[in-house]
């Protein structure tokens, strides 16, 4: 079914050092059939 959640994130945080918080409280569901590109600052994955 197209609404099936395959990957779920809740409250995710990520930082590279004590001063550079890049994600705060990320909530994300990825469902069957969906695509999610992950891109860096240069536009590459």
PDB file of N, CA and C in Angstrom:
ATOM      1  N   UNK A   1       0.844  -1.187   0.000  1.00  0.00           N
ATOM      2  CA  UNK A   1       0.000   0.000   0.000  1.00  0.00           C
ATOM      3  C   UNK A   1       0.888   1.249   0.000  1.00  0.00           C
ATOM      4  N   UNK A   2       0.500   2.296  -0.705  1.00  0.00           N
ATOM      5  CA  UNK A   2       1.314   3.493  -0.888  1.00  0.00           C
ATOM      6  C   UNK A   2       1.500   4.306   0.391  1.00  0.00           C
ATOM      7  N   UNK A   3       0.674   4.108   1.428  1.00  0.00           N
ATOM      8  CA  UNK A   3       0.808   4.876   2.663  1.00  0.00           C
ATOM      9  C   UNK A   3       1.655   4.178   3.720  1.00  0.00           C
ATOM     10  N   UNK A   4       2.227   3.026   3.408  1.00  0.00           N
ATOM     11  CA  UNK A   4       3.052   2.301   4.370  1.00  0.00           C
ATOM     12  C   UNK A   4       4.322   3.086   4.686  1.00  0.00           C
ATOM     13  N   UNK A   5       4.546   3.381   5.964  1.00  0.00           N
ATOM     14  CA  UNK A   5       5.756   4.083   6.388  1.00  0.00           C
ATOM     15  C   UNK A   5       6.875   3.055   6.514  1.00  0.00           C
ATOM     16  N   UNK A   6       7.972   3.265   5.769  1.00  0.00           N
ATOM     17  CA  UNK A   6       9.118   2.362   5.818  1.00  0.00           C
ATOM     18  C   UNK A   6      10.208   2.876   6.743  1.00  0.00           C
ATOM     19  N   UNK A   7      10.370   4.213   6.793  1.00  0.00           N
ATOM     20  CA  UNK A   7      11.380   4.847   7.647  1.00  0.00           C
ATOM     21  C   UNK A   7      10.717   6.007   8.371  1.00  0.00           C
ATOM     22  N   UNK A   8      10.959   6.102   9.678  1.00  0.00           N
ATOM     23  CA  UNK A   8      10.367   7.176  10.465  1.00  0.00           C
ATOM     24  C   UNK A   8      11.421   7.753  11.406  1.00  0.00           C
ATOM     25  N   UNK A   9      11.577   9.073  11.404  1.00  0.00           N
ATOM     26  CA  UNK A   9      12.474   9.779  12.318  1.00  0.00           C
ATOM     27  C   UNK A   9      11.640  10.704  13.188  1.00  0.00           C
ATOM     28  N   UNK A  10      11.957  10.804  14.473  1.00  0.00           N
ATOM     29  CA  UNK A  10      11.270  11.714  15.386  1.00  0.00           C
ATOM     30  C   UNK A  10      12.294  12.403  16.283  1.00  0.00           C
ATOM     31  N   UNK A  11      12.268  13.730  16.291  1.00  0.00           N
ATOM     32  CA  UNK A  11      13.111  14.514  17.194  1.00  0.00           C
ATOM     33  C   UNK A  11      14.604  14.404  16.935  1.00  0.00           C
ATOM     34  N   UNK A  12      14.997  14.191  15.686  1.00  0.00           N
ATOM     35  CA  UNK A  12      16.412  14.014  15.341  1.00  0.00           C
ATOM     36  C   UNK A  12      17.144  15.348  15.381  1.00  0.00           C
ATOM     37  N   UNK A  13      18.327  15.329  15.960  1.00  0.00           N
ATOM     38  CA  UNK A  13      19.215  16.499  15.956  1.00  0.00           C
ATOM     39  C   UNK A  13      20.581  16.057  15.450  1.00  0.00           C
ATOM     40  N   UNK A  14      21.273  16.966  14.760  1.00  0.00           N
ATOM     41  CA  UNK A  14      22.621  16.692  14.255  1.00  0.00           C
ATOM     42  C   UNK A  14      23.426  17.970  14.296  1.00  0.00           C
ATOM     43  N   UNK A  15      24.655  17.867  14.785  1.00  0.00           N
ATOM     44  CA  UNK A  15      25.568  19.011  14.759  1.00  0.00           C
ATOM     45  C   UNK A  15      26.954  18.505  14.397  1.00  0.00           C
ATOM     46  N   UNK A  16      27.740  19.394  13.780  1.00  0.00           N
ATOM     47  CA  UNK A  16      29.110  19.045  13.418  1.00  0.00           C
ATOM     48  C   UNK A  16      30.086  19.412  14.518  1.00  0.00           C
ATOM     49  N   UNK A  17      29.741  20.381  15.307  1.00  0.00           N
ATOM     50  CA  UNK A  17      30.536  20.766  16.465  1.00  0.00           C
ATOM     51  C   UNK A  17      29.590  21.468  17.440  1.00  0.00           C
ATOM     52  N   UNK A  18      30.098  22.012  18.487  1.00  0.00           N
ATOM     53  CA  UNK A  18      29.237  22.637  19.504  1.00  0.00           C
ATOM     54  C   UNK A  18      28.494  23.866  18.988  1.00  0.00           C
ATOM     55  N   UNK A  19      28.930  24.439  17.865  1.00  0.00           N
ATOM     56  CA  UNK A  19      28.337  25.681  17.368  1.00  0.00           C
ATOM     57  C   UNK A  19      27.517  25.525  16.090  1.00  0.00           C
ATOM     58  N   UNK A  20      27.628  24.404  15.399  1.00  0.00           N
ATOM     59  CA  UNK A  20      26.985  24.251  14.100  1.00  0.00           C
ATOM     60  C   UNK A  20      25.888  23.192  14.157  1.00  0.00           C
ATOM     61  N   UNK A  21      24.699  23.600  14.576  1.00  0.00           N
ATOM     62  CA  UNK A  21      23.540  22.711  14.602  1.00  0.00           C
ATOM     63  C   UNK A  21      22.904  22.734  13.215  1.00  0.00           C
ATOM     64  N   UNK A  22      22.838  21.582  12.569  1.00  0.00           N
ATOM     65  CA  UNK A  22      22.288  21.552  11.205  1.00  0.00           C
ATOM     66  C   UNK A  22      20.876  20.977  11.147  1.00  0.00           C
ATOM     67  N   UNK A  23      20.494  20.165  12.132  1.00  0.00           N
ATOM     68  CA  UNK A  23      19.126  19.656  12.236  1.00  0.00           C
ATOM     69  C   UNK A  23      18.661  19.800  13.674  1.00  0.00           C
ATOM     70  N   UNK A  24      17.411  20.211  13.846  1.00  0.00           N
ATOM     71  CA  UNK A  24      16.847  20.321  15.193  1.00  0.00           C
ATOM     72  C   UNK A  24      15.406  19.829  15.155  1.00  0.00           C
ATOM     73  N   UNK A  25      15.111  18.818  15.953  1.00  0.00           N
ATOM     74  CA  UNK A  25      13.761  18.260  16.073  1.00  0.00           C
ATOM     75  C   UNK A  25      13.163  17.853  14.725  1.00  0.00           C
ATOM     76  N   UNK A  26      13.942  17.152  13.905  1.00  0.00           N
ATOM     77  CA  UNK A  26      13.463  16.666  12.609  1.00  0.00           C
ATOM     78  C   UNK A  26      12.483  15.520  12.814  1.00  0.00           C
ATOM     79  N   UNK A  27      11.309  15.649  12.219  1.00  0.00           N
ATOM     80  CA  UNK A  27      10.310  14.582  12.166  1.00  0.00           C
ATOM     81  C   UNK A  27      10.066  14.272  10.694  1.00  0.00           C
ATOM     82  N   UNK A  28      10.205  13.007  10.317  1.00  0.00           N
ATOM     83  CA  UNK A  28      10.115  12.651   8.907  1.00  0.00           C
ATOM     84  C   UNK A  28       9.597  11.227   8.758  1.00  0.00           C
ATOM     85  N   UNK A  29       8.647  11.040   7.864  1.00  0.00           N
ATOM     86  CA  UNK A  29       8.184   9.710   7.476  1.00  0.00           C
ATOM     87  C   UNK A  29       8.465   9.529   5.994  1.00  0.00           C
ATOM     88  N   UNK A  30       9.075   8.413   5.637  1.00  0.00           N
ATOM     89  CA  UNK A  30       9.299   8.061   4.238  1.00  0.00           C
ATOM     90  C   UNK A  30       8.438   6.838   3.960  1.00  0.00           C
ATOM     91  N   UNK A  31       7.550   6.989   2.993  1.00  0.00           N
ATOM     92  CA  UNK A  31       6.588   5.935   2.685  1.00  0.00           C
ATOM     93  C   UNK A  31       7.029   5.114   1.472  1.00  0.00           C
ATOM     94  N   UNK A  32       6.490   3.952   1.377  1.00  0.00           N
ATOM     95  CA  UNK A  32       6.772   3.063   0.253  1.00  0.00           C
ATOM     96  C   UNK A  32       6.487   3.792  -1.055  1.00  0.00           C
ATOM     97  N   UNK A  33       7.458   3.776  -1.974  1.00  0.00           N
ATOM     98  CA  UNK A  33       7.300   4.416  -3.274  1.00  0.00           C
ATOM     99  C   UNK A  33       7.795   5.844  -3.333  1.00  0.00           C
ATOM    100  N   UNK A  34       8.132   6.455  -2.181  1.00  0.00           N
ATOM    101  CA  UNK A  34       8.637   7.833  -2.174  1.00  0.00           C
ATOM    102  C   UNK A  34      10.152   7.839  -2.347  1.00  0.00           C
ATOM    103  N   UNK A  35      10.667   8.941  -2.876  1.00  0.00           N
ATOM    104  CA  UNK A  35      12.097   9.152  -3.029  1.00  0.00           C
ATOM    105  C   UNK A  35      12.487  10.377  -2.237  1.00  0.00           C
ATOM    106  N   UNK A  36      13.634  10.334  -1.569  1.00  0.00           N
ATOM    107  CA  UNK A  36      14.128  11.465  -0.789  1.00  0.00           C
ATOM    108  C   UNK A  36      15.584  11.720  -1.153  1.00  0.00           C
ATOM    109  N   UNK A  37      15.868  12.776  -1.911  1.00  0.00           N
ATOM    110  CA  UNK A  37      17.267  13.093  -2.214  1.00  0.00           C
ATOM    111  C   UNK A  37      17.915  13.801  -1.026  1.00  0.00           C
ATOM    112  N   UNK A  38      19.153  13.474  -0.750  1.00  0.00           N
ATOM    113  CA  UNK A  38      19.929  14.148   0.289  1.00  0.00           C
ATOM    114  C   UNK A  38      21.060  14.905  -0.396  1.00  0.00           C
ATOM    115  N   UNK A  39      21.046  16.222  -0.283  1.00  0.00           N
ATOM    116  CA  UNK A  39      22.024  17.059  -0.972  1.00  0.00           C
ATOM    117  C   UNK A  39      22.855  17.844   0.023  1.00  0.00           C
ATOM    118  N   UNK A  40      24.135  17.989  -0.292  1.00  0.00           N
ATOM    119  CA  UNK A  40      25.025  18.809   0.513  1.00  0.00           C
ATOM    120  C   UNK A  40      25.042  20.237   0.005  1.00  0.00           C
ATOM    121  N   UNK A  41      25.880  21.087   0.622  1.00  0.00           N
ATOM    122  CA  UNK A  41      25.931  22.501   0.249  1.00  0.00           C
ATOM    123  C   UNK A  41      26.306  22.741  -1.216  1.00  0.00           C
ATOM    124  N   UNK A  42      27.088  21.827  -1.802  1.00  0.00           N
ATOM    125  CA  UNK A  42      27.500  21.997  -3.194  1.00  0.00           C
ATOM    126  C   UNK A  42      26.449  21.467  -4.172  1.00  0.00           C
ATOM    127  N   UNK A  43      25.401  20.836  -3.645  1.00  0.00           N
ATOM    128  CA  UNK A  43      24.377  20.253  -4.503  1.00  0.00           C
ATOM    129  C   UNK A  43      24.623  18.789  -4.805  1.00  0.00           C
ATOM    130  N   UNK A  44      25.729  18.248  -4.303  1.00  0.00           N
ATOM    131  CA  UNK A  44      26.001  16.823  -4.507  1.00  0.00           C
ATOM    132  C   UNK A  44      25.436  16.031  -3.334  1.00  0.00           C
ATOM    133  N   UNK A  45      25.181  14.761  -3.552  1.00  0.00           N
ATOM    134  CA  UNK A  45      24.584  13.918  -2.510  1.00  0.00           C
ATOM    135  C   UNK A  45      25.598  13.279  -1.620  1.00  0.00           C
TER     136      UNK A  45
END
